[in-house]
Amino acid sequence: DNKIPNWVAWHLTAEHTTGPYRRPSAAWHEDMQVPAPRTTLADYRDTDWTRGHMCPAGDNKWDADAMYETFLFTNCCPQHANLNSGVWNQIEMSCRRWAEKYGDIYIVCGPILFRQEHETIGPNKVVVPEAFFKVVLCLNGTPKGIGFICRNTEGSRAKDFYVNSISQVERITGMKFFPNIPKDIVESVKAKADTS
């Protein structure tokens, strides 16, 4: 109904943080598995909103098909340009560094819609989220996790301003992340919020 994903999840390995494949030109395309009406390029035309990747293209340089599929409209939301190229991009780069350092991580991210009337764009009325979340889980070594909440604004504050525990992000989004984590480690992983 909102023409944006509820959430996007992926497993990022160290091997997937680099590769030879680059962003294809004119790559954004409709997800034909979604019933019409669905998001199209026309929805973003003549707006102030960028097409903000949920699973970033930078996490998919390892495979041409994976790279191309990050440009499905089911993997993006209307996002403020400064947030997209600023804080959101910094968090994406941090995730790649963590995957390289620890071997692999699990990521879930998506839009946050406040309880209010939402701005929409384009002929298909694509909803503009008021904020975004990202949660990251690493089970290698001492299990650890972190969450982020970013308002869909110019994103001019340092990324640490948006740091949250996974439990806090669960409370804000009403979602339950990583439900299959063993109970003996779930509390320590979900309760901390420390970028180091």
Protein backbone atom coordinates (compact mmCIF):
# COMPACT_ATOMS: atom_id res chain seq x y z
CA ASP A 1 0.00 0.00 0.00
CA ASN A 2 2.84 2.43 0.79
CA LYS A 3 4.87 1.50 -2.34
CA ILE A 4 8.01 1.08 -0.19
CA PRO A 5 9.50 -1.98 1.54
CA ASN A 6 8.54 -2.71 5.15
CA TRP A 7 12.09 -3.97 5.70
CA VAL A 8 15.04 -5.41 3.79
CA ALA A 9 17.44 -8.00 5.26
CA TRP A 10 20.73 -9.46 4.07
CA HIS A 11 23.82 -11.34 5.19
CA LEU A 12 26.98 -9.35 4.46
CA THR A 13 30.20 -11.36 4.33
CA ALA A 14 33.75 -10.06 4.11
CA GLU A 15 33.97 -11.47 0.57
CA HIS A 16 30.92 -9.44 -0.48
CA THR A 17 32.32 -6.07 0.61
CA THR A 18 34.36 -5.65 -2.60
CA GLY A 19 34.23 -6.79 -6.19
CA PRO A 20 34.54 -5.75 -9.80
CA TYR A 21 30.90 -4.85 -10.50
CA ARG A 22 29.88 -1.18 -10.58
CA ARG A 23 26.55 0.61 -10.63
CA PRO A 24 24.96 0.05 -14.04
CA SER A 25 23.69 3.11 -15.86
CA ALA A 26 19.92 3.61 -15.88
CA ALA A 27 19.56 0.66 -13.52
CA TRP A 28 16.45 1.59 -11.50
CA HIS A 29 13.58 -0.67 -12.49
CA GLU A 30 10.16 -1.84 -11.38
CA ASP A 31 9.77 -5.03 -9.41
CA MET A 32 7.40 -6.97 -11.62
CA GLN A 33 6.62 -9.37 -8.75
CA VAL A 34 4.75 -6.55 -7.02
CA PRO A 35 1.14 -6.02 -8.13
CA ALA A 36 0.37 -2.78 -9.95
CA PRO A 37 0.18 0.02 -9.19
CA ARG A 38 3.81 -0.08 -8.06
CA THR A 39 6.68 2.38 -7.77
CA THR A 40 8.16 3.57 -11.06
CA LEU A 41 10.82 6.04 -12.12
CA ALA A 42 8.08 8.59 -12.81
CA ASP A 43 7.30 8.74 -9.09
CA TYR A 44 10.69 10.29 -8.32
CA ARG A 45 10.77 12.66 -11.30
CA ASP A 46 10.64 16.36 -10.38
CA THR A 47 10.79 15.71 -6.62
CA ASP A 48 13.34 16.70 -4.01
CA TRP A 49 13.72 13.08 -2.87
CA THR A 50 16.48 10.67 -3.88
CA ARG A 51 16.10 6.93 -4.37
CA GLY A 52 17.62 5.73 -1.11
CA HIS A 53 18.87 2.15 -1.22
CA MET A 54 17.94 -0.02 1.73
CA CYS A 55 20.43 -2.80 0.86
CA PRO A 56 23.22 -0.68 -0.67
CA ALA A 57 24.73 -1.24 -4.08
CA GLY A 58 28.12 -1.07 -2.34
CA ASP A 59 27.34 -4.35 -0.54
CA ASN A 60 26.79 -6.10 -3.87
CA LYS A 61 29.88 -5.40 -5.99
CA TRP A 62 30.62 -9.13 -5.83
CA ASP A 63 27.95 -10.16 -8.38
CA ALA A 64 26.40 -8.48 -11.43
CA ASP A 65 22.89 -9.83 -10.75
CA ALA A 66 23.01 -8.90 -7.06
CA MET A 67 24.18 -5.39 -7.99
CA TYR A 68 21.38 -4.99 -10.56
CA GLU A 69 18.73 -6.20 -8.13
CA THR A 70 19.65 -3.54 -5.56
CA PHE A 71 18.14 -1.12 -8.06
CA LEU A 72 14.65 -2.61 -7.81
CA PHE A 73 12.18 -0.06 -6.47
CA THR A 74 11.28 -2.59 -3.76
CA ASN A 75 14.77 -1.89 -2.32
CA CYS A 76 14.45 1.87 -2.03
CA CYS A 77 12.55 4.63 -0.32
CA PRO A 78 12.31 8.36 -0.91
CA GLN A 79 15.26 9.72 1.09
CA HIS A 80 16.61 13.21 1.71
CA ALA A 81 19.67 13.72 -0.51
CA ASN A 82 21.92 14.88 2.35
CA LEU A 83 20.97 11.91 4.50
CA ASN A 84 21.48 9.51 1.58
CA SER A 85 24.98 10.77 0.80
CA GLY A 86 25.84 11.66 4.40
CA VAL A 87 25.00 9.80 7.61
CA TRP A 88 23.21 6.89 5.88
CA ASN A 89 26.24 6.37 3.62
CA GLN A 90 28.58 6.51 6.66
CA ILE A 91 26.55 3.77 8.37
CA GLU A 92 26.70 1.66 5.19
CA MET A 93 30.48 2.03 5.06
CA SER A 94 30.74 1.12 8.76
CA CYS A 95 28.78 -2.07 8.07
CA ARG A 96 31.23 -3.04 5.32
CA ARG A 97 34.19 -2.42 7.67
CA TRP A 98 32.53 -4.56 10.36
CA ALA A 99 31.90 -7.37 7.86
CA GLU A 100 35.58 -7.23 6.82
CA LYS A 101 36.75 -7.17 10.43
CA TYR A 102 34.50 -9.91 11.82
CA GLY A 103 33.92 -12.05 8.72
CA ASP A 104 30.18 -11.51 8.41
CA ILE A 105 27.22 -9.61 9.82
CA TYR A 106 23.44 -9.66 9.49
CA ILE A 107 21.60 -6.45 8.64
CA VAL A 108 17.94 -5.43 8.62
CA CYS A 109 16.82 -1.93 7.67
CA GLY A 110 13.79 -0.10 6.46
CA PRO A 111 11.50 2.89 6.78
CA ILE A 112 9.81 4.22 9.89
CA LEU A 113 6.38 5.76 9.45
CA PHE A 114 5.18 7.98 12.26
CA ARG A 115 1.51 7.96 13.28
CA GLN A 116 0.56 10.88 11.09
CA GLU A 117 -0.45 11.66 7.55
CA HIS A 118 2.48 10.96 5.24
CA GLU A 119 3.84 12.94 2.35
CA THR A 120 3.60 11.04 -0.92
CA ILE A 121 5.32 11.51 -4.26
CA GLY A 122 4.49 10.70 -7.86
CA PRO A 123 1.47 9.36 -9.66
CA ASN A 124 1.59 6.13 -7.61
CA LYS A 125 1.63 8.03 -4.30
CA VAL A 126 4.87 6.56 -2.93
CA VAL A 127 5.01 7.24 0.82
CA VAL A 128 7.94 9.31 2.10
CA PRO A 129 9.17 7.82 5.41
CA GLU A 130 9.73 10.12 8.36
CA ALA A 131 12.79 8.10 9.45
CA PHE A 132 14.81 4.94 8.81
CA PHE A 133 16.17 2.16 10.98
CA LYS A 134 19.11 -0.20 10.61
CA VAL A 135 20.06 -3.02 12.98
CA VAL A 136 23.29 -5.00 12.72
CA LEU A 137 24.12 -8.35 14.33
CA CYS A 138 27.51 -10.07 14.52
CA LEU A 139 27.74 -13.56 16.02
CA ASN A 140 31.49 -14.03 15.51
CA GLY A 141 33.71 -13.76 18.59
CA THR A 142 31.72 -12.14 21.36
CA PRO A 143 28.21 -11.67 19.91
CA LYS A 144 27.37 -8.01 19.41
CA GLY A 145 24.72 -5.82 17.90
CA ILE A 146 23.85 -2.20 17.27
CA GLY A 147 20.96 -0.17 15.94
CA PHE A 148 20.52 3.16 14.21
CA ILE A 149 17.58 5.52 13.75
CA CYS A 150 17.94 8.32 11.21
CA ARG A 151 15.36 11.02 10.64
CA ASN A 152 14.63 11.57 6.96
CA THR A 153 16.05 15.08 7.06
CA GLU A 154 19.31 16.68 6.01
CA GLY A 155 21.20 14.34 8.37
CA SER A 156 23.78 16.93 9.36
CA ARG A 157 24.54 15.49 12.84
CA ALA A 158 27.28 12.94 13.50
CA LYS A 159 26.13 9.33 13.10
CA ASP A 160 26.61 8.60 16.81
CA PHE A 161 23.63 10.82 17.52
CA TYR A 162 21.49 8.12 15.93
CA VAL A 163 22.99 5.12 17.75
CA ASN A 164 20.48 2.91 19.58
CA SER A 165 20.36 -0.57 20.98
CA ILE A 166 18.54 -3.18 18.91
CA SER A 167 15.97 -3.33 21.73
CA GLN A 168 15.33 0.41 21.37
CA VAL A 169 14.86 0.04 17.62
CA GLU A 170 12.44 -2.85 18.25
CA ARG A 171 10.43 -0.61 20.60
CA ILE A 172 10.36 2.27 18.09
CA THR A 173 9.48 0.13 15.04
CA GLY A 174 7.28 -2.46 16.73
CA MET A 175 9.33 -5.17 14.98
CA LYS A 176 11.20 -8.11 16.48
CA PHE A 177 14.67 -8.60 14.99
CA PHE A 178 16.79 -11.75 14.90
CA PRO A 179 14.23 -13.95 16.69
CA ASN A 180 16.41 -17.05 16.37
CA ILE A 181 19.31 -15.74 18.46
CA PRO A 182 19.93 -18.20 21.31
CA LYS A 183 18.24 -16.97 24.49
CA ASP A 184 21.48 -17.03 26.50
CA ILE A 185 22.97 -14.23 24.36
CA VAL A 186 19.93 -12.31 23.15
CA GLU A 187 19.76 -9.80 26.01
CA SER A 188 23.42 -8.78 25.90
CA VAL A 189 23.35 -8.44 22.11
CA LYS A 190 20.13 -6.44 21.93
CA ALA A 191 20.67 -4.24 24.97
CA LYS A 192 23.97 -2.50 24.10
CA ALA A 193 24.55 0.47 21.83
CA ASP A 194 28.26 1.00 21.26
CA THR A 195 29.83 1.72 17.86
CA SER A 196 33.19 0.30 19.01
